[in-house]
Amino acid sequence: MVYAYIQDVPIGEELYTRIIEELGPEPLAGSLLHLCVRRDDGGLRYIDVWESEAHCARAFQERIHPAVDAAFAGARPGEPTVEHLDVVHATGSLLTAQST
């Protein structure tokens, strides 16, 4: 089942770039879409779509949290609020490729 959420994060593009560099070029298993957009207040908003909640949890445990910790030099603040999305229908080339 597709799992999706929106998360507002109180960081700027420079720190976001460091996190992405820490993640490296290897795709995150189960990630269908990660969109990062600038908010009016200067923070960022993530819109993420995953194959499943389990894929997302595994990616956070194995790759995302370690990358964020490294980018914050071990002084990461608490986890930002996540707004889970109640997905009714999802379509697109990534979903089509995943189901074949």
PDB file of N, CA and C in Angstrom:
ATOM      1  N   MET A   1       0.844  -1.176   0.000  1.00  0.00           N
ATOM      2  CA  MET A   1       0.000   0.000   0.000  1.00  0.00           C
ATOM      3  C   MET A   1       0.888   1.238   0.000  1.00  0.00           C
ATOM      4  N   VAL A   2       0.591   2.195  -0.845  1.00  0.00           N
ATOM      5  CA  VAL A   2       1.364   3.427  -0.945  1.00  0.00           C
ATOM      6  C   VAL A   2       1.252   4.212   0.352  1.00  0.00           C
ATOM      7  N   TYR A   3       2.373   4.759   0.787  1.00  0.00           N
ATOM      8  CA  TYR A   3       2.448   5.557   2.016  1.00  0.00           C
ATOM      9  C   TYR A   3       2.981   6.926   1.633  1.00  0.00           C
ATOM     10  N   ALA A   4       2.309   7.994   2.079  1.00  0.00           N
ATOM     11  CA  ALA A   4       2.716   9.347   1.706  1.00  0.00           C
ATOM     12  C   ALA A   4       2.566  10.290   2.888  1.00  0.00           C
ATOM     13  N   TYR A   5       3.405  11.326   2.885  1.00  0.00           N
ATOM     14  CA  TYR A   5       3.327  12.330   3.947  1.00  0.00           C
ATOM     15  C   TYR A   5       3.922  13.652   3.482  1.00  0.00           C
ATOM     16  N   ILE A   6       3.579  14.696   4.250  1.00  0.00           N
ATOM     17  CA  ILE A   6       4.156  16.029   4.103  1.00  0.00           C
ATOM     18  C   ILE A   6       4.847  16.341   5.418  1.00  0.00           C
ATOM     19  N   GLN A   7       6.022  16.951   5.319  1.00  0.00           N
ATOM     20  CA  GLN A   7       6.773  17.298   6.529  1.00  0.00           C
ATOM     21  C   GLN A   7       7.417  18.663   6.331  1.00  0.00           C
ATOM     22  N   ASP A   8       7.094  19.606   7.220  1.00  0.00           N
ATOM     23  CA  ASP A   8       7.733  20.911   7.208  1.00  0.00           C
ATOM     24  C   ASP A   8       8.952  20.851   8.108  1.00  0.00           C
ATOM     25  N   VAL A   9      10.095  21.264   7.563  1.00  0.00           N
ATOM     26  CA  VAL A   9      11.337  21.200   8.315  1.00  0.00           C
ATOM     27  C   VAL A   9      11.938  22.596   8.433  1.00  0.00           C
ATOM     28  N   PRO A  10      12.415  22.946   9.626  1.00  0.00           N
ATOM     29  CA  PRO A  10      12.940  24.299   9.859  1.00  0.00           C
ATOM     30  C   PRO A  10      14.418  24.422   9.482  1.00  0.00           C
ATOM     31  N   ILE A  11      14.729  24.042   8.251  1.00  0.00           N
ATOM     32  CA  ILE A  11      16.107  24.149   7.779  1.00  0.00           C
ATOM     33  C   ILE A  11      16.113  24.876   6.441  1.00  0.00           C
ATOM     34  N   GLY A  12      17.266  25.375   6.053  1.00  0.00           N
ATOM     35  CA  GLY A  12      17.420  26.029   4.765  1.00  0.00           C
ATOM     36  C   GLY A  12      18.051  25.099   3.744  1.00  0.00           C
ATOM     37  N   GLU A  13      18.251  25.644   2.557  1.00  0.00           N
ATOM     38  CA  GLU A  13      18.777  24.842   1.457  1.00  0.00           C
ATOM     39  C   GLU A  13      20.205  24.347   1.704  1.00  0.00           C
ATOM     40  N   GLU A  14      21.013  25.132   2.396  1.00  0.00           N
ATOM     41  CA  GLU A  14      22.402  24.721   2.638  1.00  0.00           C
ATOM     42  C   GLU A  14      22.464  23.439   3.467  1.00  0.00           C
ATOM     43  N   LEU A  15      21.713  23.395   4.558  1.00  0.00           N
ATOM     44  CA  LEU A  15      21.693  22.190   5.383  1.00  0.00           C
ATOM     45  C   LEU A  15      21.047  21.030   4.635  1.00  0.00           C
ATOM     46  N   TYR A  16      19.998  21.310   3.884  1.00  0.00           N
ATOM     47  CA  TYR A  16      19.353  20.265   3.085  1.00  0.00           C
ATOM     48  C   TYR A  16      20.359  19.643   2.115  1.00  0.00           C
ATOM     49  N   THR A  17      21.168  20.470   1.475  1.00  0.00           N
ATOM     50  CA  THR A  17      22.176  19.982   0.542  1.00  0.00           C
ATOM     51  C   THR A  17      23.184  19.084   1.249  1.00  0.00           C
ATOM     52  N   ARG A  18      23.577  19.448   2.464  1.00  0.00           N
ATOM     53  CA  ARG A  18      24.500  18.599   3.229  1.00  0.00           C
ATOM     54  C   ARG A  18      23.872  17.240   3.524  1.00  0.00           C
ATOM     55  N   ILE A  19      22.587  17.241   3.873  1.00  0.00           N
ATOM     56  CA  ILE A  19      21.894  15.972   4.148  1.00  0.00           C
ATOM     57  C   ILE A  19      21.878  15.100   2.890  1.00  0.00           C
ATOM     58  N   ILE A  20      21.542  15.687   1.758  1.00  0.00           N
ATOM     59  CA  ILE A  20      21.494  14.937   0.495  1.00  0.00           C
ATOM     60  C   ILE A  20      22.875  14.381   0.155  1.00  0.00           C
ATOM     61  N   GLU A  21      23.915  15.179   0.384  1.00  0.00           N
ATOM     62  CA  GLU A  21      25.284  14.694   0.138  1.00  0.00           C
ATOM     63  C   GLU A  21      25.614  13.519   1.053  1.00  0.00           C
ATOM     64  N   GLU A  22      25.185  13.584   2.308  1.00  0.00           N
ATOM     65  CA  GLU A  22      25.424  12.482   3.258  1.00  0.00           C
ATOM     66  C   GLU A  22      24.677  11.218   2.840  1.00  0.00           C
ATOM     67  N   LEU A  23      23.500  11.374   2.244  1.00  0.00           N
ATOM     68  CA  LEU A  23      22.734  10.214   1.777  1.00  0.00           C
ATOM     69  C   LEU A  23      23.446   9.492   0.635  1.00  0.00           C
ATOM     70  N   GLY A  24      24.157  10.239  -0.177  1.00  0.00           N
ATOM     71  CA  GLY A  24      24.871   9.647  -1.302  1.00  0.00           C
ATOM     72  C   GLY A  24      23.951   9.392  -2.483  1.00  0.00           C
ATOM     73  N   PRO A  25      24.533   8.889  -3.580  1.00  0.00           N
ATOM     74  CA  PRO A  25      23.777   8.746  -4.825  1.00  0.00           C
ATOM     75  C   PRO A  25      22.868   7.517  -4.895  1.00  0.00           C
ATOM     76  N   GLU A  26      23.058   6.562  -4.006  1.00  0.00           N
ATOM     77  CA  GLU A  26      22.258   5.335  -4.029  1.00  0.00           C
ATOM     78  C   GLU A  26      20.789   5.652  -3.718  1.00  0.00           C
ATOM     79  N   PRO A  27      19.854   5.250  -4.595  1.00  0.00           N
ATOM     80  CA  PRO A  27      18.428   5.507  -4.317  1.00  0.00           C
ATOM     81  C   PRO A  27      17.983   4.838  -3.015  1.00  0.00           C
ATOM     82  N   LEU A  28      17.013   5.428  -2.362  1.00  0.00           N
ATOM     83  CA  LEU A  28      16.435   4.848  -1.144  1.00  0.00           C
ATOM     84  C   LEU A  28      15.436   3.772  -1.555  1.00  0.00           C
ATOM     85  N   ALA A  29      15.636   2.579  -1.090  1.00  0.00           N
ATOM     86  CA  ALA A  29      14.748   1.475  -1.441  1.00  0.00           C
ATOM     87  C   ALA A  29      13.314   1.792  -1.032  1.00  0.00           C
ATOM     88  N   GLY A  30      12.408   1.678  -1.979  1.00  0.00           N
ATOM     89  CA  GLY A  30      10.992   1.895  -1.700  1.00  0.00           C
ATOM     90  C   GLY A  30      10.517   3.319  -1.876  1.00  0.00           C
ATOM     91  N   SER A  31      11.427   4.262  -2.120  1.00  0.00           N
ATOM     92  CA  SER A  31      11.030   5.659  -2.321  1.00  0.00           C
ATOM     93  C   SER A  31      10.521   5.839  -3.741  1.00  0.00           C
ATOM     94  N   LEU A  32       9.295   6.335  -3.877  1.00  0.00           N
ATOM     95  CA  LEU A  32       8.721   6.594  -5.191  1.00  0.00           C
ATOM     96  C   LEU A  32       8.873   8.052  -5.588  1.00  0.00           C
ATOM     97  N   LEU A  33       8.847   8.963  -4.596  1.00  0.00           N
ATOM     98  CA  LEU A  33       8.974  10.393  -4.879  1.00  0.00           C
ATOM     99  C   LEU A  33       9.432  11.116  -3.628  1.00  0.00           C
ATOM    100  N   HIS A  34      10.410  11.985  -3.788  1.00  0.00           N
ATOM    101  CA  HIS A  34      10.790  12.924  -2.728  1.00  0.00           C
ATOM    102  C   HIS A  34      10.845  14.280  -3.393  1.00  0.00           C
ATOM    103  N   LEU A  35       9.991  15.179  -2.942  1.00  0.00           N
ATOM    104  CA  LEU A  35       9.932  16.533  -3.475  1.00  0.00           C
ATOM    105  C   LEU A  35      10.217  17.487  -2.330  1.00  0.00           C
ATOM    106  N   CYS A  36      11.179  18.375  -2.516  1.00  0.00           N
ATOM    107  CA  CYS A  36      11.519  19.370  -1.510  1.00  0.00           C
ATOM    108  C   CYS A  36      11.200  20.738  -2.096  1.00  0.00           C
ATOM    109  N   VAL A  37      10.343  21.495  -1.408  1.00  0.00           N
ATOM    110  CA  VAL A  37       9.954  22.822  -1.884  1.00  0.00           C
ATOM    111  C   VAL A  37      10.221  23.858  -0.799  1.00  0.00           C
ATOM    112  N   ARG A  38      10.460  25.078  -1.232  1.00  0.00           N
ATOM    113  CA  ARG A  38      10.723  26.194  -0.323  1.00  0.00           C
ATOM    114  C   ARG A  38       9.402  26.762   0.199  1.00  0.00           C
ATOM    115  N   ARG A  39       9.346  26.994   1.506  1.00  0.00           N
ATOM    116  CA  ARG A  39       8.174  27.634   2.118  1.00  0.00           C
ATOM    117  C   ARG A  39       8.423  29.140   2.202  1.00  0.00           C
ATOM    118  N   ASP A  40       7.354  29.900   2.349  1.00  0.00           N
ATOM    119  CA  ASP A  40       7.455  31.362   2.451  1.00  0.00           C
ATOM    120  C   ASP A  40       8.288  31.813   3.642  1.00  0.00           C
ATOM    121  N   ASP A  41       8.291  31.019   4.725  1.00  0.00           N
ATOM    122  CA  ASP A  41       9.025  31.406   5.940  1.00  0.00           C
ATOM    123  C   ASP A  41      10.515  31.061   5.871  1.00  0.00           C
ATOM    124  N   GLY A  42      10.968  30.517   4.737  1.00  0.00           N
ATOM    125  CA  GLY A  42      12.379  30.176   4.587  1.00  0.00           C
ATOM    126  C   GLY A  42      12.699  28.731   4.874  1.00  0.00           C
ATOM    127  N   GLY A  43      11.780  28.015   5.512  1.00  0.00           N
ATOM    128  CA  GLY A  43      11.982  26.594   5.759  1.00  0.00           C
ATOM    129  C   GLY A  43      11.660  25.789   4.511  1.00  0.00           C
ATOM    130  N   LEU A  44      11.713  24.500   4.649  1.00  0.00           N
ATOM    131  CA  LEU A  44      11.450  23.607   3.529  1.00  0.00           C
ATOM    132  C   LEU A  44      10.286  22.676   3.850  1.00  0.00           C
ATOM    133  N   ARG A  45       9.661  22.196   2.818  1.00  0.00           N
ATOM    134  CA  ARG A  45       8.590  21.205   2.949  1.00  0.00           C
ATOM    135  C   ARG A  45       8.961  19.998   2.103  1.00  0.00           C
ATOM    136  N   TYR A  46       8.867  18.815   2.724  1.00  0.00           N
ATOM    137  CA  TYR A  46       9.085  17.573   2.002  1.00  0.00           C
ATOM    138  C   TYR A  46       7.732  16.951   1.693  1.00  0.00           C
ATOM    139  N   ILE A  47       7.601  16.447   0.502  1.00  0.00           N
ATOM    140  CA  ILE A  47       6.434  15.664   0.104  1.00  0.00           C
ATOM    141  C   ILE A  47       7.006  14.330  -0.358  1.00  0.00           C
ATOM    142  N   ASP A  48       6.682  13.270   0.368  1.00  0.00           N
ATOM    143  CA  ASP A  48       7.270  11.964   0.103  1.00  0.00           C
ATOM    144  C   ASP A  48       6.210  10.917  -0.176  1.00  0.00           C
ATOM    145  N   VAL A  49       6.519  10.040  -1.125  1.00  0.00           N
ATOM    146  CA  VAL A  49       5.652   8.919  -1.452  1.00  0.00           C
ATOM    147  C   VAL A  49       6.532   7.672  -1.470  1.00  0.00           C
ATOM    148  N   TRP A  50       6.082   6.649  -0.746  1.00  0.00           N
ATOM    149  CA  TRP A  50       6.825   5.402  -0.584  1.00  0.00           C
ATOM    150  C   TRP A  50       5.968   4.220  -1.009  1.00  0.00           C
ATOM    151  N   GLU A  51       6.628   3.137  -1.368  1.00  0.00           N
ATOM    152  CA  GLU A  51       5.914   1.899  -1.685  1.00  0.00           C
ATOM    153  C   GLU A  51       5.090   1.431  -0.492  1.00  0.00           C
ATOM    154  N   SER A  52       5.639   1.624   0.728  1.00  0.00           N
ATOM    155  CA  SER A  52       4.934   1.203   1.933  1.00  0.00           C
ATOM    156  C   SER A  52       5.514   1.948   3.131  1.00  0.00           C
ATOM    157  N   GLU A  53       4.794   1.927   4.231  1.00  0.00           N
ATOM    158  CA  GLU A  53       5.285   2.531   5.465  1.00  0.00           C
ATOM    159  C   GLU A  53       6.526   1.797   5.965  1.00  0.00           C
ATOM    160  N   ALA A  54       6.573   0.484   5.748  1.00  0.00           N
ATOM    161  CA  ALA A  54       7.738  -0.296   6.170  1.00  0.00           C
ATOM    162  C   ALA A  54       8.999   0.130   5.419  1.00  0.00           C
ATOM    163  N   HIS A  55       8.880   0.374   4.112  1.00  0.00           N
ATOM    164  CA  HIS A  55      10.031   0.858   3.344  1.00  0.00           C
ATOM    165  C   HIS A  55      10.516   2.199   3.903  1.00  0.00           C
ATOM    166  N   CYS A  56       9.577   3.080   4.205  1.00  0.00           N
ATOM    167  CA  CYS A  56       9.917   4.391   4.752  1.00  0.00           C
ATOM    168  C   CYS A  56      10.633   4.253   6.090  1.00  0.00           C
ATOM    169  N   ALA A  57      10.090   3.461   6.981  1.00  0.00           N
ATOM    170  CA  ALA A  57      10.688   3.279   8.310  1.00  0.00           C
ATOM    171  C   ALA A  57      12.099   2.716   8.203  1.00  0.00           C
ATOM    172  N   ARG A  58      12.282   1.752   7.326  1.00  0.00           N
ATOM    173  CA  ARG A  58      13.607   1.149   7.136  1.00  0.00           C
ATOM    174  C   ARG A  58      14.601   2.181   6.602  1.00  0.00           C
ATOM    175  N   ALA A  59      14.171   3.000   5.640  1.00  0.00           N
ATOM    176  CA  ALA A  59      15.055   4.025   5.077  1.00  0.00           C
ATOM    177  C   ALA A  59      15.447   5.050   6.135  1.00  0.00           C
ATOM    178  N   PHE A  60      14.502   5.433   6.988  1.00  0.00           N
ATOM    179  CA  PHE A  60      14.833   6.381   8.059  1.00  0.00           C
ATOM    180  C   PHE A  60      15.833   5.768   9.027  1.00  0.00           C
ATOM    181  N   GLN A  61      15.638   4.537   9.389  1.00  0.00           N
ATOM    182  CA  GLN A  61      16.523   3.882  10.349  1.00  0.00           C
ATOM    183  C   GLN A  61      17.921   3.674   9.766  1.00  0.00           C
ATOM    184  N   GLU A  62      17.983   3.177   8.540  1.00  0.00           N
ATOM    185  CA  GLU A  62      19.261   2.776   7.970  1.00  0.00           C
ATOM    186  C   GLU A  62      20.029   3.904   7.288  1.00  0.00           C
ATOM    187  N   ARG A  63      19.324   4.871   6.684  1.00  0.00           N
ATOM    188  CA  ARG A  63      20.028   5.871   5.873  1.00  0.00           C
ATOM    189  C   ARG A  63      19.708   7.316   6.234  1.00  0.00           C
ATOM    190  N   ILE A  64      18.422   7.646   6.401  1.00  0.00           N
ATOM    191  CA  ILE A  64      18.056   9.055   6.543  1.00  0.00           C
ATOM    192  C   ILE A  64      18.501   9.624   7.884  1.00  0.00           C
ATOM    193  N   HIS A  65      18.163   8.980   8.990  1.00  0.00           N
ATOM    194  CA  HIS A  65      18.585   9.513  10.295  1.00  0.00           C
ATOM    195  C   HIS A  65      20.104   9.589  10.426  1.00  0.00           C
ATOM    196  N   PRO A  66      20.869   8.578  10.004  1.00  0.00           N
ATOM    197  CA  PRO A  66      22.324   8.734  10.054  1.00  0.00           C
ATOM    198  C   PRO A  66      22.836   9.920   9.222  1.00  0.00           C
ATOM    199  N   ALA A  67      22.248  10.140   8.044  1.00  0.00           N
ATOM    200  CA  ALA A  67      22.656  11.266   7.200  1.00  0.00           C
ATOM    201  C   ALA A  67      22.309  12.597   7.854  1.00  0.00           C
ATOM    202  N   VAL A  68      21.118  12.678   8.447  1.00  0.00           N
ATOM    203  CA  VAL A  68      20.707  13.912   9.132  1.00  0.00           C
ATOM    204  C   VAL A  68      21.607  14.153  10.340  1.00  0.00           C
ATOM    205  N   ASP A  69      21.882  13.120  11.115  1.00  0.00           N
ATOM    206  CA  ASP A  69      22.773  13.266  12.271  1.00  0.00           C
ATOM    207  C   ASP A  69      24.149  13.770  11.848  1.00  0.00           C
ATOM    208  N   ALA A  70      24.681  13.233  10.759  1.00  0.00           N
ATOM    209  CA  ALA A  70      25.995  13.672  10.280  1.00  0.00           C
ATOM    210  C   ALA A  70      25.950  15.127   9.823  1.00  0.00           C
ATOM    211  N   ALA A  71      24.890  15.514   9.122  1.00  0.00           N
ATOM    212  CA  ALA A  71      24.771  16.890   8.638  1.00  0.00           C
ATOM    213  C   ALA A  71      24.627  17.884   9.787  1.00  0.00           C
ATOM    214  N   PHE A  72      23.955  17.458  10.857  1.00  0.00           N
ATOM    215  CA  PHE A  72      23.769  18.316  12.036  1.00  0.00           C
ATOM    216  C   PHE A  72      24.932  18.181  13.016  1.00  0.00           C
ATOM    217  N   ALA A  73      25.930  17.393  12.652  1.00  0.00           N
ATOM    218  CA  ALA A  73      27.090  17.143  13.516  1.00  0.00           C
ATOM    219  C   ALA A  73      26.665  16.605  14.880  1.00  0.00           C
ATOM    220  N   GLY A  74      25.674  15.716  14.873  1.00  0.00           N
ATOM    221  CA  GLY A  74      25.236  15.064  16.102  1.00  0.00           C
ATOM    222  C   GLY A  74      24.308  15.875  16.980  1.00  0.00           C
ATOM    223  N   ALA A  75      23.998  17.113  16.607  1.00  0.00           N
ATOM    224  CA  ALA A  75      23.146  17.972  17.438  1.00  0.00           C
ATOM    225  C   ALA A  75      21.794  18.200  16.783  1.00  0.00           C
ATOM    226  N   ARG A  76      21.219  17.131  16.256  1.00  0.00           N
ATOM    227  CA  ARG A  76      19.934  17.242  15.561  1.00  0.00           C
ATOM    228  C   ARG A  76      18.822  17.552  16.547  1.00  0.00           C
ATOM    229  N   PRO A  77      17.978  18.555  16.214  1.00  0.00           N
ATOM    230  CA  PRO A  77      16.817  18.817  17.076  1.00  0.00           C
ATOM    231  C   PRO A  77      15.802  17.679  16.936  1.00  0.00           C
ATOM    232  N   GLY A  78      14.710  17.761  17.660  1.00  0.00           N
ATOM    233  CA  GLY A  78      13.681  16.720  17.594  1.00  0.00           C
ATOM    234  C   GLY A  78      13.111  16.556  16.203  1.00  0.00           C
ATOM    235  N   GLU A  79      12.376  15.502  16.036  1.00  0.00           N
ATOM    236  CA  GLU A  79      11.772  15.160  14.745  1.00  0.00           C
ATOM    237  C   GLU A  79      10.649  16.142  14.402  1.00  0.00           C
ATOM    238  N   PRO A  80      10.656  16.718  13.183  1.00  0.00           N
ATOM    239  CA  PRO A  80       9.565  17.609  12.779  1.00  0.00           C
ATOM    240  C   PRO A  80       8.238  16.844  12.679  1.00  0.00           C
ATOM    241  N   THR A  81       7.164  17.570  12.771  1.00  0.00           N
ATOM    242  CA  THR A  81       5.829  16.982  12.667  1.00  0.00           C
ATOM    243  C   THR A  81       5.596  16.453  11.249  1.00  0.00           C
ATOM    244  N   VAL A  82       5.020  15.287  11.175  1.00  0.00           N
ATOM    245  CA  VAL A  82       4.706  14.647   9.897  1.00  0.00           C
ATOM    246  C   VAL A  82       3.195  14.640   9.733  1.00  0.00           C
ATOM    247  N   GLU A  83       2.727  15.093   8.576  1.00  0.00           N
ATOM    248  CA  GLU A  83       1.300  15.025   8.252  1.00  0.00           C
ATOM    249  C   GLU A  83       1.102  13.858   7.296  1.00  0.00           C
ATOM    250  N   HIS A  84       0.577  12.755   7.828  1.00  0.00           N
ATOM    251  CA  HIS A  84       0.339  11.571   7.009  1.00  0.00           C
ATOM    252  C   HIS A  84      -0.832  11.845   6.067  1.00  0.00           C
ATOM    253  N   LEU A  85      -0.697  11.413   4.851  1.00  0.00           N
ATOM    254  CA  LEU A  85      -1.730  11.624   3.839  1.00  0.00           C
ATOM    255  C   LEU A  85      -2.524  10.338   3.653  1.00  0.00           C
ATOM    256  N   ASP A  86      -3.828  10.455   3.619  1.00  0.00           N
ATOM    257  CA  ASP A  86      -4.718   9.307   3.419  1.00  0.00           C
ATOM    258  C   ASP A  86      -4.874   9.103   1.912  1.00  0.00           C
ATOM    259  N   VAL A  87      -4.019   8.267   1.342  1.00  0.00           N
ATOM    260  CA  VAL A  87      -3.971   8.079  -0.103  1.00  0.00           C
ATOM    261  C   VAL A  87      -5.181   7.273  -0.561  1.00  0.00           C
ATOM    262  N   VAL A  88      -5.956   7.859  -1.455  1.00  0.00           N
ATOM    263  CA  VAL A  88      -7.111   7.192  -2.037  1.00  0.00           C
ATOM    264  C   VAL A  88      -6.721   6.516  -3.343  1.00  0.00           C
ATOM    265  N   HIS A  89      -5.887   7.195  -4.116  1.00  0.00           N
ATOM    266  CA  HIS A  89      -5.457   6.658  -5.412  1.00  0.00           C
ATOM    267  C   HIS A  89      -4.113   7.275  -5.757  1.00  0.00           C
ATOM    268  N   ALA A  90      -3.249   6.483  -6.352  1.00  0.00           N
ATOM    269  CA  ALA A  90      -1.951   6.976  -6.802  1.00  0.00           C
ATOM    270  C   ALA A  90      -1.645   6.364  -8.155  1.00  0.00           C
ATOM    271  N   THR A  91      -1.140   7.179  -9.061  1.00  0.00           N
ATOM    272  CA  THR A  91      -0.759   6.705 -10.376  1.00  0.00           C
ATOM    273  C   THR A  91       0.461   7.482 -10.837  1.00  0.00           C
ATOM    274  N   GLY A  92       1.126   6.976 -11.800  1.00  0.00           N
ATOM    275  CA  GLY A  92       2.304   7.647 -12.352  1.00  0.00           C
ATOM    276  C   GLY A  92       3.318   6.614 -12.819  1.00  0.00           C
ATOM    277  N   SER A  93       4.313   7.068 -13.534  1.00  0.00           N
ATOM    278  CA  SER A  93       5.266   6.137 -14.122  1.00  0.00           C
ATOM    279  C   SER A  93       6.051   5.355 -13.067  1.00  0.00           C
ATOM    280  N   LEU A  94       6.355   5.973 -11.932  1.00  0.00           N
ATOM    281  CA  LEU A  94       7.075   5.242 -10.890  1.00  0.00           C
ATOM    282  C   LEU A  94       6.217   4.129 -10.304  1.00  0.00           C
ATOM    283  N   LEU A  95       4.942   4.406 -10.123  1.00  0.00           N
ATOM    284  CA  LEU A  95       4.048   3.377  -9.580  1.00  0.00           C
ATOM    285  C   LEU A  95       3.822   2.271 -10.601  1.00  0.00           C
ATOM    286  N   THR A  96       3.712   2.618 -11.860  1.00  0.00           N
ATOM    287  CA  THR A  96       3.509   1.634 -12.913  1.00  0.00           C
ATOM    288  C   THR A  96       4.717   0.727 -13.033  1.00  0.00           C
ATOM    289  N   ALA A  97       5.916   1.317 -12.986  1.00  0.00           N
ATOM    290  CA  ALA A  97       7.148   0.526 -13.088  1.00  0.00           C
ATOM    291  C   ALA A  97       7.285  -0.414 -11.903  1.00  0.00           C
ATOM    292  N   GLN A  98       6.872   0.043 -10.725  1.00  0.00           N
ATOM    293  CA  GLN A  98       6.986  -0.761  -9.507  1.00  0.00           C
ATOM    294  C   GLN A  98       6.055  -1.960  -9.555  1.00  0.00           C
ATOM    295  N   SER A  99       4.898  -1.833 -10.160  1.00  0.00           N
ATOM    296  CA  SER A  99       3.908  -2.915 -10.136  1.00  0.00           C
ATOM    297  C   SER A  99       4.112  -3.938 -11.243  1.00  0.00           C
ATOM    298  N   THR A 100       5.043  -3.708 -12.170  1.00  0.00           N
ATOM    299  CA  THR A 100       5.260  -4.679 -13.252  1.00  0.00           C
ATOM    300  C   THR A 100       6.352  -5.649 -12.925  1.00  0.00           C
TER     301      THR A 100
END
